[in-house]
């Protein structure tokens, strides 16, 4: 209880931001879906100039948790086809970079510093930083982990910027390509946006991605914990009889 009380007292603004990064995408996707419902042809037939503006806007909305990445992949696939895939990947990379910088400026290392007040927690964080490539890829792989929240958390763990961006794009590709493909094949994009996991194939793919991410993260965290405990045991003073 003392740990939780201190955590909330010293990191309230950081924790509030993390909560908003979970809640806001739900509201944002509902608002954008309603906009598309009222203007079904809003994105059809865009030329390069407006298309670039679209990708710039989606990068900002994903970075600030206004729209989920799954939503953007489906909508982009539906309206742009495969020609829009490079733009979507670039928008993901820009969104990840913006979210990373936002997290650094909002947190200023406070949460990481707080965790290091507790030796075991700090040691686990340090181990996770050393395994950051696997950690980033696995968190990006899961379609149920919010993009903006994971960006915020990974930035606070202290993963290197370039590794973060490269692993983020790599980890996002499997699920993003699947949802993008669903968008290109959709007959009713609004129905798909409201229920992306419709159909047996969608459910199986989503389940596979979630399980792969879950078991992978369990392995990474368990290995980090064991290494941290071994380091603590090795560093402890030896008592001689």
C-alpha atoms as a PDB file:
ATOM      1  CA  UNK A   1       0.000   0.000   0.000  1.00  0.00           C
ATOM      2  CA  UNK A   2       2.849   2.397   0.795  1.00  0.00           C
ATOM      3  CA  UNK A   3       4.355   1.704  -2.641  1.00  0.00           C
ATOM      4  CA  UNK A   4       1.058   2.447  -4.413  1.00  0.00           C
ATOM      5  CA  UNK A   5       0.465   5.587  -2.354  1.00  0.00           C
ATOM      6  CA  UNK A   6       3.930   6.916  -3.177  1.00  0.00           C
ATOM      7  CA  UNK A   7       3.502   5.924  -6.815  1.00  0.00           C
ATOM      8  CA  UNK A   8       0.314   7.976  -7.192  1.00  0.00           C
ATOM      9  CA  UNK A   9       1.608  10.928  -5.184  1.00  0.00           C
ATOM     10  CA  UNK A  10       4.859  11.320  -7.115  1.00  0.00           C
ATOM     11  CA  UNK A  11       3.649  10.302 -10.573  1.00  0.00           C
ATOM     12  CA  UNK A  12       0.040  11.487 -10.704  1.00  0.00           C
ATOM     13  CA  UNK A  13       0.425  13.460 -13.944  1.00  0.00           C
ATOM     14  CA  UNK A  14       2.174  10.547 -15.650  1.00  0.00           C
ATOM     15  CA  UNK A  15      -0.454   8.028 -14.538  1.00  0.00           C
ATOM     16  CA  UNK A  16      -3.273  10.373 -15.566  1.00  0.00           C
ATOM     17  CA  UNK A  17      -1.725  10.683 -19.022  1.00  0.00           C
ATOM     18  CA  UNK A  18      -1.511   6.899 -19.294  1.00  0.00           C
ATOM     19  CA  UNK A  19      -5.188   6.575 -18.367  1.00  0.00           C
ATOM     20  CA  UNK A  20      -6.165   9.121 -21.020  1.00  0.00           C
ATOM     21  CA  UNK A  21      -4.110   7.257 -23.621  1.00  0.00           C
ATOM     22  CA  UNK A  22      -6.349   4.248 -22.999  1.00  0.00           C
ATOM     23  CA  UNK A  23      -9.703   6.049 -22.819  1.00  0.00           C
ATOM     24  CA  UNK A  24      -9.321   8.664 -25.564  1.00  0.00           C
ATOM     25  CA  UNK A  25      -8.925   6.234 -28.528  1.00  0.00           C
ATOM     26  CA  UNK A  26     -12.360   4.772 -27.802  1.00  0.00           C
ATOM     27  CA  UNK A  27     -13.959   8.205 -27.996  1.00  0.00           C
ATOM     28  CA  UNK A  28     -11.866   9.243 -30.984  1.00  0.00           C
ATOM     29  CA  UNK A  29     -12.716   6.185 -33.064  1.00  0.00           C
ATOM     30  CA  UNK A  30     -16.421   6.650 -32.347  1.00  0.00           C
ATOM     31  CA  UNK A  31     -16.256  10.285 -33.440  1.00  0.00           C
ATOM     32  CA  UNK A  32     -14.363   9.494 -36.658  1.00  0.00           C
ATOM     33  CA  UNK A  33     -16.709   6.600 -37.464  1.00  0.00           C
ATOM     34  CA  UNK A  34     -19.662   8.961 -37.084  1.00  0.00           C
ATOM     35  CA  UNK A  35     -17.915  11.476 -39.373  1.00  0.00           C
ATOM     36  CA  UNK A  36     -17.342   8.833 -42.038  1.00  0.00           C
ATOM     37  CA  UNK A  37     -20.928   7.644 -41.707  1.00  0.00           C
ATOM     38  CA  UNK A  38     -22.203  11.134 -42.454  1.00  0.00           C
ATOM     39  CA  UNK A  39     -19.660  11.683 -45.272  1.00  0.00           C
ATOM     40  CA  UNK A  40     -19.115   8.278 -46.843  1.00  0.00           C
ATOM     41  CA  UNK A  41     -17.147   9.623 -49.821  1.00  0.00           C
ATOM     42  CA  UNK A  42     -14.964  11.972 -47.792  1.00  0.00           C
ATOM     43  CA  UNK A  43     -11.709  10.129 -48.572  1.00  0.00           C
ATOM     44  CA  UNK A  44     -12.523   8.735 -51.993  1.00  0.00           C
ATOM     45  CA  UNK A  45     -10.536   9.953 -54.989  1.00  0.00           C
ATOM     46  CA  UNK A  46      -8.011  12.031 -53.038  1.00  0.00           C
ATOM     47  CA  UNK A  47      -5.071  13.388 -55.022  1.00  0.00           C
ATOM     48  CA  UNK A  48      -1.492  13.380 -53.698  1.00  0.00           C
ATOM     49  CA  UNK A  49      -1.707  16.691 -51.873  1.00  0.00           C
ATOM     50  CA  UNK A  50      -4.819  15.878 -49.802  1.00  0.00           C
ATOM     51  CA  UNK A  51      -3.571  12.291 -49.370  1.00  0.00           C
ATOM     52  CA  UNK A  52      -0.335  13.523 -47.788  1.00  0.00           C
ATOM     53  CA  UNK A  53      -2.391  15.728 -45.493  1.00  0.00           C
ATOM     54  CA  UNK A  54      -4.477  12.677 -44.544  1.00  0.00           C
ATOM     55  CA  UNK A  55      -1.389  10.680 -43.574  1.00  0.00           C
ATOM     56  CA  UNK A  56       0.034  13.620 -41.615  1.00  0.00           C
ATOM     57  CA  UNK A  57      -3.237  13.985 -39.707  1.00  0.00           C
ATOM     58  CA  UNK A  58      -3.475  10.265 -38.966  1.00  0.00           C
ATOM     59  CA  UNK A  59       0.100  10.329 -37.634  1.00  0.00           C
ATOM     60  CA  UNK A  60      -0.889  13.083 -35.193  1.00  0.00           C
ATOM     61  CA  UNK A  61      -4.164  11.428 -34.178  1.00  0.00           C
ATOM     62  CA  UNK A  62      -2.420   8.099 -33.519  1.00  0.00           C
ATOM     63  CA  UNK A  63       0.400   9.760 -31.574  1.00  0.00           C
ATOM     64  CA  UNK A  64      -2.065  11.594 -29.327  1.00  0.00           C
ATOM     65  CA  UNK A  65      -4.375   8.575 -28.992  1.00  0.00           C
ATOM     66  CA  UNK A  66      -7.253  10.177 -30.895  1.00  0.00           C
ATOM     67  CA  UNK A  67      -7.617   7.190 -33.224  1.00  0.00           C
ATOM     68  CA  UNK A  68      -6.512   3.553 -32.761  1.00  0.00           C
ATOM     69  CA  UNK A  69      -3.980   2.185 -35.249  1.00  0.00           C
ATOM     70  CA  UNK A  70      -6.330  -0.652 -36.207  1.00  0.00           C
ATOM     71  CA  UNK A  71      -8.958   1.909 -37.183  1.00  0.00           C
ATOM     72  CA  UNK A  72      -6.457   3.789 -39.359  1.00  0.00           C
ATOM     73  CA  UNK A  73      -5.236   0.607 -41.071  1.00  0.00           C
ATOM     74  CA  UNK A  74      -8.771  -0.470 -42.005  1.00  0.00           C
ATOM     75  CA  UNK A  75      -9.866   2.974 -43.204  1.00  0.00           C
ATOM     76  CA  UNK A  76      -6.673   3.527 -45.210  1.00  0.00           C
ATOM     77  CA  UNK A  77      -6.898   0.111 -46.856  1.00  0.00           C
ATOM     78  CA  UNK A  78     -10.523   0.696 -47.798  1.00  0.00           C
ATOM     79  CA  UNK A  79     -10.123   4.189 -49.252  1.00  0.00           C
ATOM     80  CA  UNK A  80      -6.605   4.024 -50.725  1.00  0.00           C
ATOM     81  CA  UNK A  81      -6.044   0.354 -51.551  1.00  0.00           C
ATOM     82  CA  UNK A  82      -2.511  -1.063 -51.553  1.00  0.00           C
ATOM     83  CA  UNK A  83      -1.140   2.171 -53.015  1.00  0.00           C
ATOM     84  CA  UNK A  84      -1.659   3.776 -49.599  1.00  0.00           C
ATOM     85  CA  UNK A  85       0.355   1.181 -47.642  1.00  0.00           C
ATOM     86  CA  UNK A  86       3.682   3.095 -47.686  1.00  0.00           C
ATOM     87  CA  UNK A  87       1.880   6.208 -46.456  1.00  0.00           C
ATOM     88  CA  UNK A  88       0.319   4.272 -43.584  1.00  0.00           C
ATOM     89  CA  UNK A  89       3.682   2.765 -42.549  1.00  0.00           C
ATOM     90  CA  UNK A  90       5.259   6.225 -42.657  1.00  0.00           C
ATOM     91  CA  UNK A  91       2.379   7.609 -40.578  1.00  0.00           C
ATOM     92  CA  UNK A  92       2.957   4.867 -37.981  1.00  0.00           C
ATOM     93  CA  UNK A  93       6.650   5.737 -37.763  1.00  0.00           C
ATOM     94  CA  UNK A  94       5.912   9.451 -37.355  1.00  0.00           C
ATOM     95  CA  UNK A  95       3.240   8.693 -34.735  1.00  0.00           C
ATOM     96  CA  UNK A  96       5.686   6.539 -32.778  1.00  0.00           C
ATOM     97  CA  UNK A  97       8.334   9.284 -32.909  1.00  0.00           C
ATOM     98  CA  UNK A  98       5.870  11.963 -31.790  1.00  0.00           C
ATOM     99  CA  UNK A  99       4.561   9.789 -28.953  1.00  0.00           C
ATOM    100  CA  UNK A 100       8.109   9.007 -27.812  1.00  0.00           C
ATOM    101  CA  UNK A 101       9.034  12.692 -27.619  1.00  0.00           C
ATOM    102  CA  UNK A 102       5.745  13.519 -25.888  1.00  0.00           C
ATOM    103  CA  UNK A 103       6.390  10.894 -23.211  1.00  0.00           C
ATOM    104  CA  UNK A 104       9.894  12.187 -22.537  1.00  0.00           C
ATOM    105  CA  UNK A 105       8.649  15.755 -22.129  1.00  0.00           C
ATOM    106  CA  UNK A 106       5.712  14.858 -19.901  1.00  0.00           C
ATOM    107  CA  UNK A 107       7.459  12.399 -17.609  1.00  0.00           C
ATOM    108  CA  UNK A 108      11.026  13.818 -17.458  1.00  0.00           C
ATOM    109  CA  UNK A 109      12.246  10.447 -16.174  1.00  0.00           C
ATOM    110  CA  UNK A 110      10.168  10.710 -12.975  1.00  0.00           C
ATOM    111  CA  UNK A 111       8.575   7.266 -13.108  1.00  0.00           C
ATOM    112  CA  UNK A 112      11.827   5.530 -14.003  1.00  0.00           C
ATOM    113  CA  UNK A 113      13.576   7.403 -11.188  1.00  0.00           C
ATOM    114  CA  UNK A 114      10.824   6.419  -8.764  1.00  0.00           C
ATOM    115  CA  UNK A 115      11.105   2.736  -9.667  1.00  0.00           C
ATOM    116  CA  UNK A 116      14.846   2.866  -9.064  1.00  0.00           C
ATOM    117  CA  UNK A 117      14.136   3.818  -5.454  1.00  0.00           C
ATOM    118  CA  UNK A 118      13.169   0.154  -5.130  1.00  0.00           C
ATOM    119  CA  UNK A 119      16.249  -1.925  -6.036  1.00  0.00           C
ATOM    120  CA  UNK A 120      14.417  -4.972  -7.429  1.00  0.00           C
ATOM    121  CA  UNK A 121      11.995  -2.914  -9.524  1.00  0.00           C
ATOM    122  CA  UNK A 122      14.853  -0.772 -10.822  1.00  0.00           C
ATOM    123  CA  UNK A 123      16.890  -3.858 -11.679  1.00  0.00           C
ATOM    124  CA  UNK A 124      13.988  -5.326 -13.679  1.00  0.00           C
ATOM    125  CA  UNK A 125      13.569  -2.052 -15.579  1.00  0.00           C
ATOM    126  CA  UNK A 126      17.286  -2.057 -16.418  1.00  0.00           C
ATOM    127  CA  UNK A 127      17.045  -5.639 -17.673  1.00  0.00           C
ATOM    128  CA  UNK A 128      14.018  -4.787 -19.809  1.00  0.00           C
ATOM    129  CA  UNK A 129      15.949  -1.893 -21.307  1.00  0.00           C
ATOM    130  CA  UNK A 130      18.629  -4.384 -22.339  1.00  0.00           C
ATOM    131  CA  UNK A 131      15.969  -6.576 -23.982  1.00  0.00           C
ATOM    132  CA  UNK A 132      14.174  -3.630 -25.520  1.00  0.00           C
ATOM    133  CA  UNK A 133      14.178  -4.941 -29.098  1.00  0.00           C
ATOM    134  CA  UNK A 134      12.114  -8.030 -28.165  1.00  0.00           C
ATOM    135  CA  UNK A 135      10.006  -6.003 -25.739  1.00  0.00           C
ATOM    136  CA  UNK A 136       9.043  -3.415 -28.363  1.00  0.00           C
ATOM    137  CA  UNK A 137       8.278  -5.934 -31.122  1.00  0.00           C
ATOM    138  CA  UNK A 138       6.076  -8.036 -28.834  1.00  0.00           C
ATOM    139  CA  UNK A 139       4.112  -5.076 -27.464  1.00  0.00           C
ATOM    140  CA  UNK A 140       3.497  -3.798 -31.007  1.00  0.00           C
ATOM    141  CA  UNK A 141       2.430  -7.239 -32.199  1.00  0.00           C
ATOM    142  CA  UNK A 142      -0.669  -7.395 -29.988  1.00  0.00           C
ATOM    143  CA  UNK A 143      -3.803  -5.699 -31.393  1.00  0.00           C
ATOM    144  CA  UNK A 144      -5.232  -5.225 -27.893  1.00  0.00           C
ATOM    145  CA  UNK A 145      -2.380  -3.159 -26.403  1.00  0.00           C
ATOM    146  CA  UNK A 146      -3.079   0.544 -27.095  1.00  0.00           C
ATOM    147  CA  UNK A 147      -0.476   2.033 -29.443  1.00  0.00           C
ATOM    148  CA  UNK A 148      -0.116   5.420 -27.719  1.00  0.00           C
ATOM    149  CA  UNK A 149      -0.026   3.928 -24.205  1.00  0.00           C
ATOM    150  CA  UNK A 150       2.682   1.426 -25.151  1.00  0.00           C
ATOM    151  CA  UNK A 151       4.682   4.221 -26.777  1.00  0.00           C
ATOM    152  CA  UNK A 152       4.468   6.157 -23.514  1.00  0.00           C
ATOM    153  CA  UNK A 153       5.469   3.179 -21.372  1.00  0.00           C
ATOM    154  CA  UNK A 154       8.350   2.104 -23.608  1.00  0.00           C
ATOM    155  CA  UNK A 155       9.727   5.640 -23.705  1.00  0.00           C
ATOM    156  CA  UNK A 156       9.680   5.758 -19.896  1.00  0.00           C
ATOM    157  CA  UNK A 157      11.483   2.416 -19.682  1.00  0.00           C
ATOM    158  CA  UNK A 158      14.293   4.180 -21.492  1.00  0.00           C
ATOM    159  CA  UNK A 159      14.590   2.237 -24.742  1.00  0.00           C
ATOM    160  CA  UNK A 160      16.931   3.915 -27.277  1.00  0.00           C
ATOM    161  CA  UNK A 161      15.116   6.144 -29.780  1.00  0.00           C
ATOM    162  CA  UNK A 162      16.336   4.544 -33.029  1.00  0.00           C
ATOM    163  CA  UNK A 163      15.783   1.018 -31.773  1.00  0.00           C
ATOM    164  CA  UNK A 164      12.333   2.029 -30.575  1.00  0.00           C
ATOM    165  CA  UNK A 165      11.313   3.387 -33.984  1.00  0.00           C
ATOM    166  CA  UNK A 166      12.713   0.462 -35.980  1.00  0.00           C
ATOM    167  CA  UNK A 167      11.252  -2.219 -33.699  1.00  0.00           C
ATOM    168  CA  UNK A 168       7.909  -0.388 -33.505  1.00  0.00           C
ATOM    169  CA  UNK A 169       7.461  -0.428 -37.272  1.00  0.00           C
ATOM    170  CA  UNK A 170       8.592  -4.064 -37.503  1.00  0.00           C
ATOM    171  CA  UNK A 171       6.306  -5.182 -34.696  1.00  0.00           C
ATOM    172  CA  UNK A 172       3.308  -3.295 -36.086  1.00  0.00           C
ATOM    173  CA  UNK A 173       3.574  -4.779 -39.581  1.00  0.00           C
ATOM    174  CA  UNK A 174       1.956  -8.229 -39.051  1.00  0.00           C
ATOM    175  CA  UNK A 175      -1.277  -6.964 -37.506  1.00  0.00           C
ATOM    176  CA  UNK A 176      -1.350  -3.786 -39.571  1.00  0.00           C
ATOM    177  CA  UNK A 177      -1.001  -5.706 -42.828  1.00  0.00           C
ATOM    178  CA  UNK A 178      -3.839  -7.995 -41.801  1.00  0.00           C
ATOM    179  CA  UNK A 179      -6.186  -5.133 -40.915  1.00  0.00           C
ATOM    180  CA  UNK A 180      -5.087  -3.246 -44.014  1.00  0.00           C
ATOM    181  CA  UNK A 181      -5.982  -6.273 -46.122  1.00  0.00           C
ATOM    182  CA  UNK A 182      -9.377  -6.445 -44.401  1.00  0.00           C
ATOM    183  CA  UNK A 183      -9.905  -2.806 -45.355  1.00  0.00           C
ATOM    184  CA  UNK A 184      -9.075  -3.450 -49.006  1.00  0.00           C
ATOM    185  CA  UNK A 185     -11.559  -6.346 -49.105  1.00  0.00           C
ATOM    186  CA  UNK A 186     -14.337  -4.654 -47.111  1.00  0.00           C
ATOM    187  CA  UNK A 187     -17.752  -4.054 -48.647  1.00  0.00           C
ATOM    188  CA  UNK A 188     -18.973  -1.935 -45.735  1.00  0.00           C
ATOM    189  CA  UNK A 189     -16.086  -0.128 -44.049  1.00  0.00           C
ATOM    190  CA  UNK A 190     -18.256   1.263 -41.263  1.00  0.00           C
ATOM    191  CA  UNK A 191     -19.423  -2.191 -40.196  1.00  0.00           C
ATOM    192  CA  UNK A 192     -15.816  -3.392 -40.247  1.00  0.00           C
ATOM    193  CA  UNK A 193     -14.603  -0.412 -38.212  1.00  0.00           C
ATOM    194  CA  UNK A 194     -17.219  -1.127 -35.556  1.00  0.00           C
ATOM    195  CA  UNK A 195     -16.401  -4.851 -35.446  1.00  0.00           C
ATOM    196  CA  UNK A 196     -12.933  -5.615 -36.869  1.00  0.00           C
ATOM    197  CA  UNK A 197     -12.926  -9.219 -35.619  1.00  0.00           C
ATOM    198  CA  UNK A 198     -15.939 -10.386 -37.596  1.00  0.00           C
ATOM    199  CA  UNK A 199     -15.453 -13.700 -39.378  1.00  0.00           C
ATOM    200  CA  UNK A 200     -13.645 -16.889 -38.349  1.00  0.00           C
ATOM    201  CA  UNK A 201     -10.381 -15.929 -40.054  1.00  0.00           C
ATOM    202  CA  UNK A 202     -10.229 -12.569 -38.288  1.00  0.00           C
ATOM    203  CA  UNK A 203     -10.869 -14.148 -34.906  1.00  0.00           C
ATOM    204  CA  UNK A 204      -8.160 -16.776 -35.449  1.00  0.00           C
ATOM    205  CA  UNK A 205      -5.573 -14.249 -36.612  1.00  0.00           C
ATOM    206  CA  UNK A 206      -6.332 -11.864 -33.738  1.00  0.00           C
ATOM    207  CA  UNK A 207      -6.183 -14.706 -31.219  1.00  0.00           C
ATOM    208  CA  UNK A 208      -2.863 -15.867 -32.652  1.00  0.00           C
ATOM    209  CA  UNK A 209      -1.362 -12.372 -32.460  1.00  0.00           C
ATOM    210  CA  UNK A 210      -2.575 -11.835 -28.887  1.00  0.00           C
ATOM    211  CA  UNK A 211      -1.249 -15.225 -27.724  1.00  0.00           C
ATOM    212  CA  UNK A 212       2.106 -14.730 -29.442  1.00  0.00           C
ATOM    213  CA  UNK A 213       2.456 -11.314 -27.819  1.00  0.00           C
ATOM    214  CA  UNK A 214       1.279 -12.549 -24.412  1.00  0.00           C
ATOM    215  CA  UNK A 215       3.578 -15.569 -24.183  1.00  0.00           C
ATOM    216  CA  UNK A 216       6.481 -13.644 -25.666  1.00  0.00           C
ATOM    217  CA  UNK A 217       6.101 -10.835 -23.135  1.00  0.00           C
ATOM    218  CA  UNK A 218       5.791 -13.368 -20.314  1.00  0.00           C
ATOM    219  CA  UNK A 219       9.091 -14.921 -21.407  1.00  0.00           C
ATOM    220  CA  UNK A 220      10.816 -11.524 -21.668  1.00  0.00           C
ATOM    221  CA  UNK A 221       9.558 -10.310 -18.275  1.00  0.00           C
ATOM    222  CA  UNK A 222      10.346 -13.636 -16.591  1.00  0.00           C
ATOM    223  CA  UNK A 223      13.877 -13.639 -17.985  1.00  0.00           C
ATOM    224  CA  UNK A 224      14.373 -10.017 -16.928  1.00  0.00           C
ATOM    225  CA  UNK A 225      13.127 -10.795 -13.412  1.00  0.00           C
ATOM    226  CA  UNK A 226      15.375 -13.849 -13.049  1.00  0.00           C
ATOM    227  CA  UNK A 227      18.421 -11.928 -14.261  1.00  0.00           C
ATOM    228  CA  UNK A 228      17.654  -9.047 -11.901  1.00  0.00           C
ATOM    229  CA  UNK A 229      17.339 -11.446  -8.965  1.00  0.00           C
ATOM    230  CA  UNK A 230      20.628 -13.144  -9.867  1.00  0.00           C
ATOM    231  CA  UNK A 231      22.377  -9.785 -10.100  1.00  0.00           C
ATOM    232  CA  UNK A 232      20.968  -8.787  -6.710  1.00  0.00           C
ATOM    233  CA  UNK A 233      22.111 -12.076  -5.176  1.00  0.00           C
ATOM    234  CA  UNK A 234      25.605 -11.718  -6.658  1.00  0.00           C
ATOM    235  CA  UNK A 235      25.866  -8.134  -5.411  1.00  0.00           C
ATOM    236  CA  UNK A 236      24.755  -9.011  -1.879  1.00  0.00           C
ATOM    237  CA  UNK A 237      27.598  -9.178   0.676  1.00  0.00           C
ATOM    238  CA  UNK A 238      28.697 -12.714   1.493  1.00  0.00           C
ATOM    239  CA  UNK A 239      28.422 -13.723   5.127  1.00  0.00           C
ATOM    240  CA  UNK A 240      31.298 -15.897   6.221  1.00  0.00           C
ATOM    241  CA  UNK A 241      30.962 -18.097   9.302  1.00  0.00           C
END
